[in-house]
Amino acid sequence: MKPSLVFVGLLYLWAFTCAASEVDIPLLSLKGVSWTSDELAYIKELNRKGSINIATKTSTAVYLPHKDGSISGFHYNVLKEFADLAKIDIDFQLVTWNDYFYKKGEDLEKVKIDPSYSYVPTLIENVDLYLDGITVLPWREKLFDIVKIVPSRAMLISRIDNIPEQISDLNNKICVMVINTSMEQTLEKIKSANHIDFTYINPDNFDAMDKMVSEGKADFTVYDSDRAYVALEKYKNLTIAWPVGELEIMGWAINKNNKLFKGILDKYIKYAQESAILDKYWKQAYGVTFVEYLKVLNLGEAKN
């Protein structure tokens, strides 16, 4: 065989192998998604690497392993769909809410009030992503970028037999709330604007909040609107009293230095919205359609 024919044959084999490899990564051929050359290269390298490292917490709405080995949670399912499309695994690191913001020697409270002060949390430098429903707030966007997923609004949760009819009814009550959350920040604004006071119980996880209200150990709590539906499903004696905050956006946190991966996830989320991936897992997790959920976001607020 002539050398030139051998070369042509090898070239054809190489081209065929490359094309087959791309077809083997479904993420590369999503309908309606246009990847840049840098994004294509990143996805291929991600596939070659084989996994992403995720920090998350155990939560009904986010990531909840079961005894049979299955895992539920809206955010987990949406990311798992991405991982399947990229043909990679997900390595999970279980953390607490406050781990998302911690760095030794740095002052988180100062970040919230000083526009010129910031730092990079230790955890975000060691993982690819925080998988959680993290509300976009100006002080948080100083610490990391956020891949925006769904709209949200803080909702006040109480027992059906103990519904506060107006904001003043919260005075001298007991509220259960995890610290360093957007909901806590909203409650502090309500206190200040309406000259009322209530006592906090501060558990270290969100699943304790609806449980304590249901059991009568606290009068009320506040959840982002997606998690509020979980509370109502878990405890039939709870209800949404009224919204207590403005419309906000929730998403996943990512290192500010990883703009390329954020761009890829932004495009994937847009695809997930348009292809009903979000709708499927929303209904599965919360028992209502995404359209029904959006209607609840427009409920009227309580009177002063």
Protein backbone atom coordinates (compact mmCIF):
# COMPACT_ATOMS: atom_id res chain seq x y z
CA MET A 1 0.00 0.00 0.00
CA LYS A 2 1.28 3.47 -0.86
CA PRO A 3 2.33 5.69 2.07
CA SER A 4 -0.09 8.40 0.91
CA LEU A 5 -3.02 6.01 1.09
CA VAL A 6 -1.95 4.92 4.58
CA PHE A 7 -1.81 8.57 5.67
CA VAL A 8 -5.26 9.29 4.21
CA GLY A 9 -6.65 6.21 5.92
CA LEU A 10 -5.21 7.24 9.29
CA LEU A 11 -6.52 10.77 8.83
CA TYR A 12 -10.00 9.43 8.06
CA LEU A 13 -9.88 7.14 11.11
CA TRP A 14 -8.81 10.04 13.34
CA ALA A 15 -11.60 12.28 12.01
CA PHE A 16 -14.17 9.51 12.43
CA THR A 17 -13.00 8.83 16.01
CA CYS A 18 -13.22 12.52 16.94
CA ALA A 19 -16.71 12.82 15.45
CA ALA A 20 -17.86 9.70 17.28
CA SER A 21 -16.47 11.08 20.54
CA GLU A 22 -18.46 14.30 20.14
CA VAL A 23 -21.65 12.38 19.43
CA ASP A 24 -20.99 10.42 22.61
CA ILE A 25 -21.33 13.65 24.65
CA PRO A 26 -25.02 14.59 24.27
CA LEU A 27 -24.42 17.99 25.91
CA LEU A 28 -22.52 19.09 22.80
CA SER A 29 -25.56 18.71 20.55
CA LEU A 30 -28.40 20.22 22.59
CA LYS A 31 -31.10 21.67 20.35
CA GLY A 32 -30.97 25.46 20.22
CA VAL A 33 -27.70 25.77 22.16
CA SER A 34 -24.72 27.38 20.49
CA TRP A 35 -21.41 26.63 22.21
CA THR A 36 -18.31 28.77 21.73
CA SER A 37 -15.05 27.06 20.82
CA ASP A 38 -13.81 27.58 24.39
CA GLU A 39 -16.99 26.07 25.82
CA LEU A 40 -16.73 23.07 23.50
CA ALA A 41 -13.15 22.50 24.63
CA TYR A 42 -14.17 22.85 28.30
CA ILE A 43 -17.02 20.33 27.95
CA LYS A 44 -14.74 17.82 26.23
CA GLU A 45 -12.11 18.23 28.95
CA LEU A 46 -14.80 17.91 31.62
CA ASN A 47 -15.94 14.67 29.99
CA ARG A 48 -12.36 13.41 29.87
CA LYS A 49 -11.90 14.30 33.54
CA GLY A 50 -15.04 12.32 34.32
CA SER A 51 -16.55 14.16 37.29
CA ILE A 52 -17.35 17.44 39.00
CA ASN A 53 -16.94 18.17 42.71
CA ILE A 54 -20.03 19.60 44.38
CA ALA A 55 -20.63 21.02 47.86
CA THR A 56 -24.20 20.71 49.11
CA LYS A 57 -26.24 20.12 52.23
CA THR A 58 -28.80 17.46 53.02
CA SER A 59 -32.19 19.04 52.40
CA THR A 60 -35.55 17.92 51.04
CA ALA A 61 -35.49 20.52 48.27
CA VAL A 62 -31.81 20.16 47.38
CA TYR A 63 -30.19 16.77 47.99
CA LEU A 64 -31.79 13.95 49.98
CA PRO A 65 -30.36 10.40 49.90
CA HIS A 66 -32.75 7.56 50.74
CA LYS A 67 -32.20 4.15 52.32
CA ASP A 68 -32.78 2.37 49.00
CA GLY A 69 -29.85 4.27 47.46
CA SER A 70 -31.96 6.72 45.47
CA ILE A 71 -31.56 10.47 45.76
CA SER A 72 -34.28 13.13 45.49
CA GLY A 73 -34.30 16.92 45.44
CA PHE A 74 -35.14 19.41 42.71
CA HIS A 75 -31.64 20.90 42.51
CA TYR A 76 -29.98 17.48 42.52
CA ASN A 77 -32.19 16.24 39.69
CA VAL A 78 -31.53 19.26 37.49
CA LEU A 79 -27.77 18.96 37.97
CA LYS A 80 -27.88 15.17 37.50
CA GLU A 81 -29.53 15.75 34.12
CA PHE A 82 -26.60 18.01 33.18
CA ALA A 83 -24.10 15.39 34.37
CA ASP A 84 -25.81 12.69 32.31
CA LEU A 85 -25.68 14.90 29.22
CA ALA A 86 -21.99 15.54 29.80
CA LYS A 87 -21.43 11.88 30.70
CA ILE A 88 -19.71 12.65 33.98
CA ASP A 89 -20.17 11.67 37.63
CA ILE A 90 -20.94 13.97 40.55
CA ASP A 91 -18.76 13.82 43.65
CA PHE A 92 -20.62 15.25 46.64
CA GLN A 93 -19.16 16.93 49.71
CA LEU A 94 -21.77 17.40 52.44
CA VAL A 95 -21.42 20.68 54.32
CA THR A 96 -23.49 23.07 56.45
CA TRP A 97 -25.07 26.30 55.24
CA ASN A 98 -22.48 28.45 57.02
CA ASP A 99 -19.61 26.55 55.34
CA TYR A 100 -20.62 28.22 52.07
CA PHE A 101 -19.45 31.60 53.39
CA TYR A 102 -16.62 30.74 55.80
CA LYS A 103 -13.00 31.78 55.57
CA LYS A 104 -10.72 31.83 58.59
CA GLY A 105 -9.96 35.33 59.77
CA GLU A 106 -12.62 36.98 57.60
CA ASP A 107 -15.75 38.78 58.82
CA LEU A 108 -18.98 37.75 57.11
CA GLU A 109 -21.02 40.45 58.85
CA LYS A 110 -18.67 43.11 57.48
CA VAL A 111 -19.25 41.81 53.94
CA LYS A 112 -22.96 42.55 54.36
CA ILE A 113 -22.51 46.20 55.36
CA ASP A 114 -19.19 47.34 53.84
CA PRO A 115 -19.35 47.67 50.02
CA SER A 116 -15.55 47.69 49.74
CA TYR A 117 -14.93 44.56 51.83
CA SER A 118 -14.93 41.07 50.36
CA TYR A 119 -13.12 37.73 50.36
CA VAL A 120 -13.25 34.33 48.67
CA PRO A 121 -14.76 31.57 50.89
CA THR A 122 -12.44 28.61 51.42
CA LEU A 123 -14.97 26.05 50.20
CA ILE A 124 -15.70 27.72 46.84
CA GLU A 125 -11.99 27.46 46.00
CA ASN A 126 -12.07 23.68 46.49
CA VAL A 127 -15.23 22.63 44.64
CA ASP A 128 -16.72 23.28 41.22
CA LEU A 129 -20.13 24.34 42.48
CA TYR A 130 -22.38 24.89 45.49
CA LEU A 131 -25.58 22.97 44.77
CA ASP A 132 -28.32 24.76 46.67
CA GLY A 133 -31.10 27.31 46.37
CA ILE A 134 -28.93 30.32 47.14
CA THR A 135 -30.78 33.62 46.85
CA VAL A 136 -28.97 36.27 44.82
CA LEU A 137 -28.03 39.11 47.18
CA PRO A 138 -25.51 41.92 46.57
CA TRP A 139 -23.23 40.85 49.41
CA ARG A 140 -23.21 37.24 48.24
CA GLU A 141 -22.27 38.29 44.72
CA LYS A 142 -19.10 39.77 46.22
CA LEU A 143 -18.10 36.29 47.40
CA PHE A 144 -18.98 34.20 44.34
CA ASP A 145 -20.98 34.18 41.11
CA ILE A 146 -24.45 32.61 41.01
CA VAL A 147 -25.96 30.54 38.19
CA LYS A 148 -29.54 31.83 38.23
CA ILE A 149 -32.15 29.03 38.25
CA VAL A 150 -35.64 30.07 39.42
CA PRO A 151 -37.52 33.08 40.82
CA SER A 152 -38.32 33.02 44.51
CA ARG A 153 -40.09 34.97 47.20
CA ALA A 154 -39.91 34.54 50.95
CA MET A 155 -43.11 33.06 52.42
CA LEU A 156 -44.21 33.06 56.05
CA ILE A 157 -45.19 29.59 57.26
CA SER A 158 -47.43 29.05 60.28
CA ARG A 159 -49.78 26.44 61.67
CA ILE A 160 -53.29 26.51 60.20
CA ASP A 161 -54.73 27.14 63.68
CA ASN A 162 -52.29 29.99 64.37
CA ILE A 163 -52.23 32.16 61.23
CA PRO A 164 -51.05 35.73 61.80
CA GLU A 165 -53.45 38.06 59.98
CA GLN A 166 -51.13 41.07 59.97
CA ILE A 167 -47.50 41.90 60.61
CA SER A 168 -48.20 43.22 64.12
CA ASP A 169 -49.39 39.70 65.05
CA LEU A 170 -45.76 38.57 64.86
CA ASN A 171 -44.86 40.77 67.85
CA ASN A 172 -43.58 38.77 70.85
CA LYS A 173 -43.84 35.50 68.92
CA ILE A 174 -41.17 32.81 68.40
CA CYS A 175 -39.57 32.42 64.98
CA VAL A 176 -37.31 29.52 64.00
CA MET A 177 -34.65 30.53 61.45
CA VAL A 178 -31.20 29.43 60.26
CA ILE A 179 -28.75 32.33 60.51
CA ASN A 180 -26.99 34.06 57.57
CA THR A 181 -29.93 33.50 55.24
CA SER A 182 -31.86 35.88 52.99
CA MET A 183 -34.98 35.02 55.03
CA GLU A 184 -33.32 36.20 58.24
CA GLN A 185 -32.35 39.44 56.50
CA THR A 186 -35.97 39.93 55.37
CA LEU A 187 -37.27 39.32 58.90
CA GLU A 188 -34.86 41.88 60.35
CA LYS A 189 -36.17 44.46 57.88
CA ILE A 190 -39.74 43.66 58.97
CA LYS A 191 -38.79 44.13 62.61
CA SER A 192 -37.18 47.49 61.94
CA ALA A 193 -39.85 48.87 59.61
CA ASN A 194 -42.78 47.86 61.82
CA HIS A 195 -41.28 48.40 65.30
CA ILE A 196 -42.02 44.87 66.45
CA ASP A 197 -39.91 42.20 68.07
CA PHE A 198 -39.89 38.42 68.14
CA THR A 199 -37.55 35.78 69.52
CA TYR A 200 -35.36 33.57 67.33
CA ILE A 201 -34.56 29.91 67.65
CA ASN A 202 -31.55 29.18 65.40
CA PRO A 203 -31.22 25.53 64.31
CA ASP A 204 -28.33 24.44 62.09
CA ASN A 205 -30.48 23.06 59.27
CA PHE A 206 -33.57 24.10 57.30
CA ASP A 207 -35.50 20.87 57.81
CA ALA A 208 -35.73 21.63 61.53
CA MET A 209 -37.66 24.85 60.90
CA ASP A 210 -40.98 23.52 59.58
CA LYS A 211 -40.77 20.61 62.01
CA MET A 212 -40.54 22.94 65.03
CA VAL A 213 -43.46 25.08 63.82
CA SER A 214 -45.57 21.98 63.20
CA GLU A 215 -44.80 20.69 66.70
CA GLY A 216 -45.68 24.02 68.33
CA LYS A 217 -42.12 24.78 69.45
CA ALA A 218 -42.17 27.95 67.34
CA ASP A 219 -44.95 30.16 66.02
CA PHE A 220 -43.68 30.70 62.50
CA THR A 221 -40.80 30.44 60.09
CA VAL A 222 -39.98 31.78 56.64
CA TYR A 223 -38.89 29.75 53.62
CA ASP A 224 -38.08 30.63 50.05
CA SER A 225 -41.21 29.88 48.06
CA ASP A 226 -39.99 26.60 46.57
CA ARG A 227 -39.12 25.15 49.98
CA ALA A 228 -42.42 26.44 51.39
CA TYR A 229 -44.25 23.87 49.27
CA VAL A 230 -42.14 21.10 50.78
CA ALA A 231 -43.17 22.24 54.26
CA LEU A 232 -46.86 22.03 53.36
CA GLU A 233 -46.42 18.58 51.86
CA LYS A 234 -44.53 17.25 54.90
CA TYR A 235 -46.78 18.75 57.59
CA LYS A 236 -50.49 18.96 56.88
CA ASN A 237 -51.08 21.38 59.79
CA LEU A 238 -48.93 24.08 58.13
CA THR A 239 -49.90 26.75 55.62
CA ILE A 240 -48.47 29.71 53.71
CA ALA A 241 -49.74 32.79 55.55
CA TRP A 242 -48.44 35.45 53.14
CA PRO A 243 -45.29 36.59 51.29
CA VAL A 244 -42.83 38.63 53.36
CA GLY A 245 -40.28 39.62 50.75
CA GLU A 246 -39.72 40.92 47.26
CA LEU A 247 -39.34 38.73 44.19
CA GLU A 248 -35.79 37.34 44.07
CA ILE A 249 -33.75 34.80 42.12
CA MET A 250 -32.18 31.60 43.45
CA GLY A 251 -29.33 29.60 42.01
CA TRP A 252 -26.06 27.71 42.41
CA ALA A 253 -22.83 29.39 43.54
CA ILE A 254 -19.66 29.15 41.49
CA ASN A 255 -16.14 30.59 41.81
CA LYS A 256 -15.80 33.99 40.13
CA ASN A 257 -12.68 32.69 38.36
CA ASN A 258 -14.66 29.98 36.59
CA LYS A 259 -16.53 32.17 34.09
CA LEU A 260 -16.38 29.49 31.39
CA PHE A 261 -18.17 26.84 33.44
CA LYS A 262 -20.73 29.42 34.59
CA GLY A 263 -21.46 30.31 30.95
CA ILE A 264 -21.99 26.63 30.14
CA LEU A 265 -24.36 26.18 33.08
CA ASP A 266 -26.26 29.37 32.15
CA LYS A 267 -26.90 27.96 28.67
CA TYR A 268 -27.88 24.58 30.09
CA ILE A 269 -30.41 26.16 32.48
CA LYS A 270 -31.96 28.12 29.60
CA TYR A 271 -32.21 24.86 27.66
CA ALA A 272 -33.73 23.13 30.72
CA GLN A 273 -36.38 25.84 30.96
CA GLU A 274 -37.29 25.62 27.28
CA SER A 275 -37.25 21.82 27.08
CA ALA A 276 -39.44 21.24 30.19
CA ILE A 277 -36.63 19.68 32.26
CA LEU A 278 -37.29 22.20 35.03
CA ASP A 279 -41.05 21.64 34.80
CA LYS A 280 -40.64 17.88 35.14
CA TYR A 281 -38.52 18.02 38.26
CA TRP A 282 -40.47 20.93 39.76
CA LYS A 283 -43.71 18.99 39.64
CA GLN A 284 -41.94 15.92 40.98
CA ALA A 285 -40.41 17.81 43.91
CA TYR A 286 -43.15 20.25 44.88
CA GLY A 287 -46.40 18.77 43.63
CA VAL A 288 -47.38 21.83 41.57
CA THR A 289 -46.53 22.93 38.08
CA PHE A 290 -44.05 25.73 37.55
CA VAL A 291 -46.91 27.94 36.27
CA GLU A 292 -48.89 27.36 39.48
CA TYR A 293 -45.80 28.20 41.48
CA LEU A 294 -45.33 31.50 39.65
CA LYS A 295 -48.92 32.47 40.50
CA VAL A 296 -48.20 32.00 44.21
CA LEU A 297 -45.25 34.40 43.92
CA ASN A 298 -47.77 37.16 43.12
CA LEU A 299 -49.86 36.75 46.27
CA GLY A 300 -50.61 39.93 48.18
CA GLU A 301 -48.62 40.82 51.30
CA ALA A 302 -49.93 41.16 54.83
CA LYS A 303 -51.15 44.49 56.17
CA ASN A 304 -49.22 46.36 58.85
